[in-house]
Protein backbone atom coordinates (compact mmCIF):
# COMPACT_ATOMS: atom_id res chain seq x y z
CA MET A 1 7.71 -8.45 24.15
CA ASN A 2 8.89 -9.41 20.71
CA HIS A 3 12.48 -8.84 20.38
CA LEU A 4 13.73 -8.50 16.75
CA ASP A 5 17.19 -7.13 17.57
CA GLY A 6 18.51 -8.71 21.03
CA ASP A 7 21.57 -8.71 22.49
CA ARG A 8 22.62 -12.33 21.28
CA PRO A 9 23.41 -13.25 17.73
CA GLN A 10 20.24 -14.24 16.06
CA THR A 11 21.41 -15.25 12.64
CA SER A 12 20.94 -19.10 11.98
CA PRO A 13 23.38 -21.32 10.52
CA ASP A 14 21.11 -21.63 7.40
CA GLN A 15 20.94 -17.73 7.13
CA ALA A 16 24.69 -17.52 7.65
CA ALA A 17 25.19 -19.85 4.77
CA ARG A 18 22.76 -18.02 2.44
CA VAL A 19 24.33 -14.58 3.36
CA ALA A 20 27.88 -16.09 2.60
CA ALA A 21 26.64 -17.48 -0.64
CA ALA A 22 25.14 -14.00 -1.48
CA LEU A 23 28.32 -12.39 -0.85
CA GLU A 24 29.90 -14.65 -3.36
CA GLY A 25 27.23 -12.95 -5.99
CA ASN A 26 24.64 -15.53 -5.78
CA ALA A 27 21.55 -13.46 -6.48
CA ASP A 28 19.04 -16.36 -5.70
CA GLU A 29 20.40 -17.09 -2.32
CA PHE A 30 20.00 -13.35 -1.56
CA SER A 31 16.52 -13.28 -2.75
CA GLN A 32 15.70 -16.18 -0.49
CA LEU A 33 16.99 -13.69 2.19
CA THR A 34 15.07 -10.71 1.50
CA GLU A 35 11.79 -11.81 -0.34
CA PRO A 36 9.92 -13.36 2.67
CA HIS A 37 10.08 -9.82 4.42
CA ARG A 38 8.83 -7.95 1.36
CA ARG A 39 5.21 -7.54 2.39
CA GLU A 40 5.94 -6.60 6.15
CA LEU A 41 8.57 -4.11 4.91
CA ARG A 42 6.02 -2.68 2.63
CA VAL A 43 3.55 -1.93 5.25
CA HIS A 44 6.12 -0.53 7.54
CA CYS A 45 7.34 1.87 4.86
CA TYR A 46 3.43 2.84 3.90
CA ARG A 47 2.80 3.53 7.71
CA ILE A 48 5.74 5.96 7.62
CA LEU A 49 5.31 7.54 4.32
CA GLY A 50 1.32 7.33 3.88
CA SER A 51 1.91 6.38 0.27
CA LEU A 52 1.49 3.06 -1.38
CA THR A 53 3.77 3.97 -4.40
CA GLU A 54 6.63 5.39 -2.26
CA ALA A 55 6.10 2.20 -0.06
CA GLU A 56 6.99 0.00 -2.94
CA ASP A 57 9.72 2.29 -4.21
CA MET A 58 11.38 2.26 -0.70
CA VAL A 59 11.40 -1.49 -0.24
CA GLN A 60 13.17 -1.86 -3.65
CA GLU A 61 15.78 0.62 -2.34
CA THR A 62 15.87 -1.25 0.81
CA PHE A 63 16.77 -4.49 -1.09
CA LEU A 64 19.26 -2.72 -3.31
CA HIS A 65 20.80 -1.14 -0.48
CA ALA A 66 21.14 -4.39 1.48
CA TRP A 67 22.60 -6.24 -1.70
CA ARG A 68 25.25 -3.44 -2.03
CA ARG A 69 25.88 -3.30 1.53
CA LEU A 70 25.79 -7.04 2.50
CA GLY A 71 29.31 -7.26 3.69
CA THR A 72 28.43 -4.86 6.58
CA PHE A 73 25.87 -7.48 7.94
CA GLN A 74 27.82 -9.03 10.93
CA GLY A 75 24.96 -11.15 12.23
CA ARG A 76 24.63 -9.55 15.63
CA SER A 77 20.94 -9.24 14.66
CA SER A 78 18.72 -10.97 12.59
CA PHE A 79 18.37 -10.45 8.98
CA ARG A 80 15.12 -9.22 9.29
CA ALA A 81 15.97 -6.54 11.93
CA TRP A 82 18.74 -5.26 9.76
CA LEU A 83 16.19 -4.76 6.82
CA TYR A 84 13.92 -2.87 8.80
CA LYS A 85 16.97 -0.95 9.84
CA ILE A 86 17.76 0.09 6.33
CA ALA A 87 14.20 0.61 5.42
CA THR A 88 13.36 2.81 8.44
CA ASN A 89 16.23 5.11 8.01
CA ALA A 90 15.61 5.19 4.10
CA CYS A 91 12.30 6.51 4.88
CA LEU A 92 13.37 9.08 7.19
CA ASP A 93 15.93 10.26 4.79
CA ALA A 94 13.23 10.65 2.08
CA LEU A 95 10.93 12.36 4.37
CA ASP A 96 13.74 14.62 5.20
CA LYS A 97 14.30 15.73 1.35
CA GLN A 98 10.59 16.05 0.84
CA ARG A 99 9.70 17.77 4.04
CA ARG A 100 6.07 17.16 3.60
CA ARG A 101 3.30 15.06 5.16
CA ARG A 102 0.47 13.48 3.43
CA ARG A 103 -3.22 14.18 4.50
CA LEU A 104 -6.82 13.91 3.75
CA PRO A 105 -8.99 16.67 2.29
CA THR A 106 -10.90 16.90 5.75
CA GLN A 107 -7.59 18.10 7.30
CA ALA A 108 -6.47 20.78 4.85
CA TYR A 109 -9.67 22.31 3.61
CA PRO A 110 -13.34 23.44 4.86
CA ALA A 111 -16.14 21.51 3.67
CA ALA A 112 -17.16 22.17 0.14
CA ASP A 113 -20.18 23.69 -1.02
CA PRO A 114 -22.07 21.02 -3.16
CA ARG A 115 -23.59 23.80 -5.41
CA SER A 116 -20.09 24.61 -6.67
CA ALA A 117 -17.88 22.87 -8.90
CA ILE A 118 -15.55 20.27 -7.71
CA ALA A 119 -12.27 21.86 -7.03
CA PRO A 120 -9.28 20.52 -9.21
CA PRO A 121 -6.27 18.90 -7.42
CA PRO A 122 -3.79 21.27 -5.48
CA ASN A 123 -0.08 21.26 -6.29
CA GLU A 124 0.95 21.90 -2.89
CA ILE A 125 -0.61 18.72 -1.07
CA SER A 126 0.22 15.34 -1.24
CA TRP A 127 -2.58 13.01 -0.06
CA LEU A 128 -3.07 9.59 1.63
CA GLU A 129 -3.04 6.80 -0.49
CA PRO A 130 -5.00 3.55 0.33
CA PHE A 131 -3.58 0.09 1.11
CA PRO A 132 -4.73 -3.26 0.30
CA ASP A 133 -5.61 -5.48 3.30
CA GLU A 134 -4.53 -8.66 1.50
CA TRP A 135 -0.91 -7.40 1.60
CA LEU A 136 -1.18 -7.18 5.39
CA ILE A 137 0.65 -9.71 7.35
CA ASP A 138 -0.70 -11.94 10.61
CA GLN A 139 0.66 -9.02 13.13
CA ALA A 140 -1.17 -10.69 15.98
CA ALA A 141 1.14 -13.93 15.38
CA ILE A 142 4.30 -11.76 15.60
CA ASN A 143 3.51 -8.84 17.71
CA PRO A 144 0.58 -10.06 20.22
CA GLU A 145 1.45 -7.56 22.88
CA ALA A 146 1.54 -4.27 20.48
CA ARG A 147 -0.46 -1.52 21.46
CA TYR A 148 -2.21 -1.23 17.93
CA SER A 149 -3.31 -4.09 15.75
CA ALA A 150 -2.36 -4.51 12.03
CA TYR A 151 -5.85 -3.27 10.77
CA GLU A 152 -5.88 -0.29 13.13
CA SER A 153 -2.32 0.78 12.45
CA VAL A 154 -3.25 1.13 8.67
CA SER A 155 -6.58 2.93 9.16
CA LEU A 156 -7.08 6.07 7.48
CA ALA A 157 -7.75 7.74 10.88
CA PHE A 158 -4.67 6.31 12.29
CA LEU A 159 -2.60 7.53 9.38
CA ALA A 160 -3.80 10.79 9.21
CA ALA A 161 -2.90 11.45 12.97
CA LEU A 162 0.26 9.72 12.57
CA GLN A 163 1.42 11.87 9.84
CA SER A 164 0.97 14.93 11.90
CA LEU A 165 3.86 13.74 13.85
CA PRO A 166 7.40 14.85 12.96
CA PRO A 167 9.19 11.84 10.93
CA ARG A 168 11.42 10.43 13.79
CA GLN A 169 8.45 10.50 16.20
CA ARG A 170 6.48 8.63 13.57
CA ALA A 171 9.18 6.17 13.24
CA VAL A 172 9.54 5.65 16.80
CA LEU A 173 5.92 5.00 17.63
CA ILE A 174 5.46 2.57 14.91
CA LEU A 175 8.54 0.76 15.91
CA ALA A 176 7.34 0.72 19.53
CA ASP A 177 3.47 0.59 19.44
CA VAL A 178 2.98 -1.38 16.34
CA LEU A 179 6.00 -3.83 15.91
CA ASP A 180 6.56 -4.02 19.57
CA TRP A 181 10.17 -3.01 19.44
CA SER A 182 11.93 -2.06 22.96
CA ALA A 183 13.57 1.03 23.47
CA GLN A 184 17.02 -0.54 23.22
CA GLU A 185 16.33 -2.00 19.87
CA ILE A 186 15.00 1.13 18.28
CA ALA A 187 17.81 3.03 19.78
CA ARG A 188 20.23 0.84 18.22
CA LEU A 189 18.39 0.96 14.92
CA LEU A 190 18.10 5.03 15.06
CA GLY A 191 21.60 5.44 16.47
CA VAL A 192 20.45 7.33 19.39
CA SER A 193 20.10 6.66 23.04
CA PRO A 194 17.21 4.75 24.91
CA SER A 195 16.30 8.12 26.81
CA ALA A 196 15.91 9.88 23.45
CA VAL A 197 13.75 7.19 22.34
CA ALA A 198 11.69 7.24 25.48
CA SER A 199 11.28 10.82 25.06
CA ALA A 200 10.25 10.78 21.49
CA LEU A 201 7.80 8.06 22.12
CA HIS A 202 6.05 10.01 25.19
CA ARG A 203 5.64 13.00 22.99
CA ALA A 204 4.34 10.97 20.14
CA ARG A 205 1.88 9.42 22.24
CA SER A 206 0.64 12.49 23.78
CA SER A 207 0.26 13.97 20.09
CA MET A 208 -1.74 10.93 18.98
CA ALA A 209 -3.92 10.93 22.10
CA GLY A 210 -5.13 14.65 20.68
CA ALA A 211 -5.23 13.65 17.30
CA TYR A 212 -6.40 9.95 17.11
CA HIS A 213 -9.57 8.67 18.70
CA ARG A 214 -9.64 4.96 18.62
CA ARG A 215 -12.88 3.21 17.84
CA ALA A 216 -14.50 0.62 20.24
CA PRO A 217 -13.16 -2.88 19.97
CA GLU A 218 -16.20 -4.08 18.33
CA ASP A 219 -15.92 -1.57 15.45
CA ARG A 220 -12.14 -2.50 14.78
CA THR A 221 -12.86 -5.87 13.18
CA GLY A 222 -11.03 -5.51 9.84
CA PRO A 223 -12.83 -6.61 6.55
CA PRO A 224 -16.53 -6.89 6.72
CA THR A 225 -17.85 -10.38 7.75
CA ASP A 226 -20.91 -10.02 9.55
CA PRO A 227 -24.52 -10.30 7.44
CA ARG A 228 -25.57 -6.80 8.69
CA THR A 229 -22.57 -5.05 7.43
CA ARG A 230 -22.43 -7.28 4.16
CA GLU A 231 -26.12 -6.13 3.66
CA LEU A 232 -25.37 -2.47 4.02
CA LEU A 233 -22.41 -2.72 1.48
CA ASN A 234 -24.62 -4.61 -1.01
CA ARG A 235 -27.30 -1.71 -0.69
CA TYR A 236 -24.45 0.75 -1.12
CA MET A 237 -23.03 -0.91 -4.25
CA ARG A 238 -26.51 -1.28 -5.74
CA ALA A 239 -27.12 2.60 -5.15
CA TRP A 240 -23.91 3.35 -7.09
CA GLN A 241 -24.71 1.20 -10.02
CA ALA A 242 -28.34 1.95 -10.36
CA ALA A 243 -27.60 5.87 -9.92
CA ASP A 244 -30.05 5.77 -7.02
CA VAL A 245 -29.73 8.96 -5.03
CA ASP A 246 -32.36 8.23 -2.53
CA GLY A 247 -30.66 4.67 -1.97
CA LEU A 248 -27.29 6.04 -1.26
CA VAL A 249 -28.54 8.61 0.96
CA SER A 250 -30.67 6.37 3.15
CA ILE A 251 -27.87 4.31 4.25
CA LEU A 252 -25.57 7.46 5.26
CA LYS A 253 -25.28 8.91 8.84
CA GLU A 254 -26.83 12.40 9.22
CA ASP A 255 -23.32 13.77 9.37
CA ALA A 256 -21.72 11.41 6.91
CA VAL A 257 -18.52 12.77 5.16
CA LEU A 258 -17.49 12.19 1.62
CA SER A 259 -14.13 13.20 0.02
CA MET A 260 -12.55 12.63 -3.30
CA PRO A 261 -8.63 13.10 -3.08
CA PRO A 262 -6.91 14.30 -5.26
CA SER A 263 -9.63 16.85 -5.29
CA PRO A 264 -9.42 18.97 -1.99
CA SER A 265 -13.37 19.10 -2.13
CA TRP A 266 -15.38 17.12 0.59
CA TYR A 267 -18.86 17.13 1.63
CA ARG A 268 -20.37 16.88 5.14
CA GLY A 269 -24.04 15.71 5.87
CA ARG A 270 -26.71 13.82 4.06
CA ALA A 271 -28.06 17.06 2.42
CA ALA A 272 -24.73 17.98 0.93
CA ILE A 273 -24.01 14.52 -0.36
CA ARG A 274 -27.50 14.17 -1.82
CA GLN A 275 -26.92 17.35 -3.88
CA LEU A 276 -23.57 16.46 -4.91
CA ALA A 277 -24.89 12.80 -6.21
CA ALA A 278 -27.76 14.41 -7.96
CA THR A 279 -25.79 16.89 -9.78
CA THR A 280 -22.61 15.42 -10.33
CA ILE A 281 -21.90 11.49 -9.52
CA PHE A 282 -25.12 10.38 -10.48
CA ALA A 283 -26.02 13.29 -13.08
CA ASP A 284 -28.28 12.08 -15.96
CA GLU A 285 -26.65 14.51 -18.51
CA GLY A 286 -23.99 14.61 -21.17
CA MET A 287 -22.74 11.30 -22.49
CA PHE A 288 -24.82 9.70 -19.82
CA LYS A 289 -28.15 11.27 -20.58
CA GLY A 290 -30.81 8.87 -20.00
CA LYS A 291 -28.11 6.24 -19.10
CA ALA A 292 -26.76 7.27 -15.54
CA ALA A 293 -27.54 3.93 -14.08
CA GLY A 294 -24.86 1.79 -15.26
CA ARG A 295 -22.14 4.26 -15.28
CA TRP A 296 -20.07 2.91 -12.33
CA ARG A 297 -19.36 -0.73 -11.37
CA LEU A 298 -18.16 -1.49 -7.94
CA VAL A 299 -16.15 -4.61 -7.10
CA LEU A 300 -16.01 -5.23 -3.15
CA THR A 301 -12.66 -5.43 -1.51
CA SER A 302 -11.03 -4.11 1.46
CA ALA A 303 -8.22 -1.42 2.36
CA ASN A 304 -6.89 0.14 5.42
CA GLY A 305 -8.69 -2.07 7.76
CA GLU A 306 -12.28 -1.00 6.33
CA PRO A 307 -14.80 -2.37 3.61
CA ALA A 308 -13.51 -0.80 0.14
CA PHE A 309 -14.60 -1.01 -3.54
CA ALA A 310 -12.74 -1.00 -6.96
CA VAL A 311 -14.58 1.52 -8.84
CA PHE A 312 -14.97 1.48 -12.83
CA GLU A 313 -16.48 3.95 -15.00
CA ARG A 314 -18.27 3.08 -18.15
CA ILE A 315 -16.75 4.61 -21.52
CA GLU A 316 -18.51 5.73 -24.74
CA ASP A 317 -17.95 2.08 -26.32
CA GLY A 318 -19.68 0.40 -23.31
CA ASP A 319 -16.48 -0.89 -21.54
CA TYR A 320 -15.47 -0.02 -18.14
CA ARG A 321 -12.07 1.58 -17.21
CA PRO A 322 -10.49 1.67 -13.87
CA PHE A 323 -11.50 4.87 -11.74
CA GLY A 324 -10.26 4.52 -8.42
CA ILE A 325 -10.84 3.04 -4.71
CA GLN A 326 -13.42 4.09 -2.54
CA VAL A 327 -12.84 3.33 1.40
CA VAL A 328 -15.86 3.19 3.37
CA SER A 329 -16.41 3.15 7.24
CA ALA A 330 -19.59 1.91 8.98
CA ASP A 331 -21.25 2.81 12.39
CA SER A 332 -24.24 1.95 14.14
CA GLY A 333 -25.63 0.30 10.60
CA ARG A 334 -25.02 3.36 8.48
CA LEU A 335 -22.05 4.63 6.45
CA SER A 336 -20.16 7.45 8.18
CA GLU A 337 -17.38 8.39 5.83
CA ILE A 338 -16.67 7.69 2.20
CA THR A 339 -13.26 8.35 0.88
CA CYS A 340 -13.00 8.08 -2.85
CA PHE A 341 -9.24 7.93 -4.41
CA ILE A 342 -9.67 8.84 -7.77
CA ASP A 343 -6.62 7.20 -9.31
CA ALA A 344 -6.90 4.59 -12.30
CA SER A 345 -3.76 2.84 -11.48
CA LEU A 346 -5.34 1.70 -7.92
CA PRO A 347 -7.73 -1.15 -8.87
CA PRO A 348 -5.22 -3.48 -10.36
CA ARG A 349 -3.31 -3.14 -7.14
CA PHE A 350 -6.31 -4.30 -5.45
CA GLY A 351 -6.65 -7.47 -7.39
CA ALA A 352 -9.44 -5.75 -9.52
CA GLY A 353 -8.60 -5.76 -13.38
């Protein structure tokens, strides 16, 4: 068990000196205290909120709150645990105000007819956002006994199920089963009794068991490394860049799913995806008449513990502009799911200019 907030004081002499200097107004010393925890706090907030943008904002809010309230840090826990307490409660406060949960189109709407126009984004629903794998930390080294690994706990399937939980249950499950905190530690963080934590965790685990179906260990490997998967991804990338409908369909499972948030439209099955690709994605019409090949450029990356692509679309002057991020899932040598997050701000966040 990795205790982040045990009963004994955990503030080292060096950390205490930095806190004292920061209390005197030394911003550099405060930065030395906080910046080493930025990445893990960002992914922690992302798990709770389901939004990359909101997670980044929440970390900034956490650091601002810590700077303003530094005098309340008494050293009875580690500074890291104190930051987690601020961040978790800030996320819960934000969710109380928003009263919404983020989803994927497959959770909110029936499959679309590929013969119909792609539906515009709805106003009343917020979708999950992708998360760059390179922002993850080596969770196995920190929490080797955690129920969920770093990659699994940011997978889209896990997050979609997690978002169905009430906010406080969501936070308890993350703290217990992802970060490996004890019931006593979580109770101190949330200001409740250990029995209340145990009850919330039991309900959260029961709900997750019904909503989330874990993949086999061999299918939870994180970013692609084996030659077979690499070749599958290369074929996928070539199909997009060549506007090759047959090439795309040939590497899909029969019941493959393609979704495109923020549009609520999503499509199930090779036949539906074939028609969508032929009439929309790879359509040889409009400004792309005779030039459908080369409309798209894909750059391999990884997101949410899965292979991913930064997608760029060619514009009239021949240059390419950011279009979004695609997260793909492979199963038995074929692609089972493609989630196309259409958001031009995403590729730069994944290191693709």
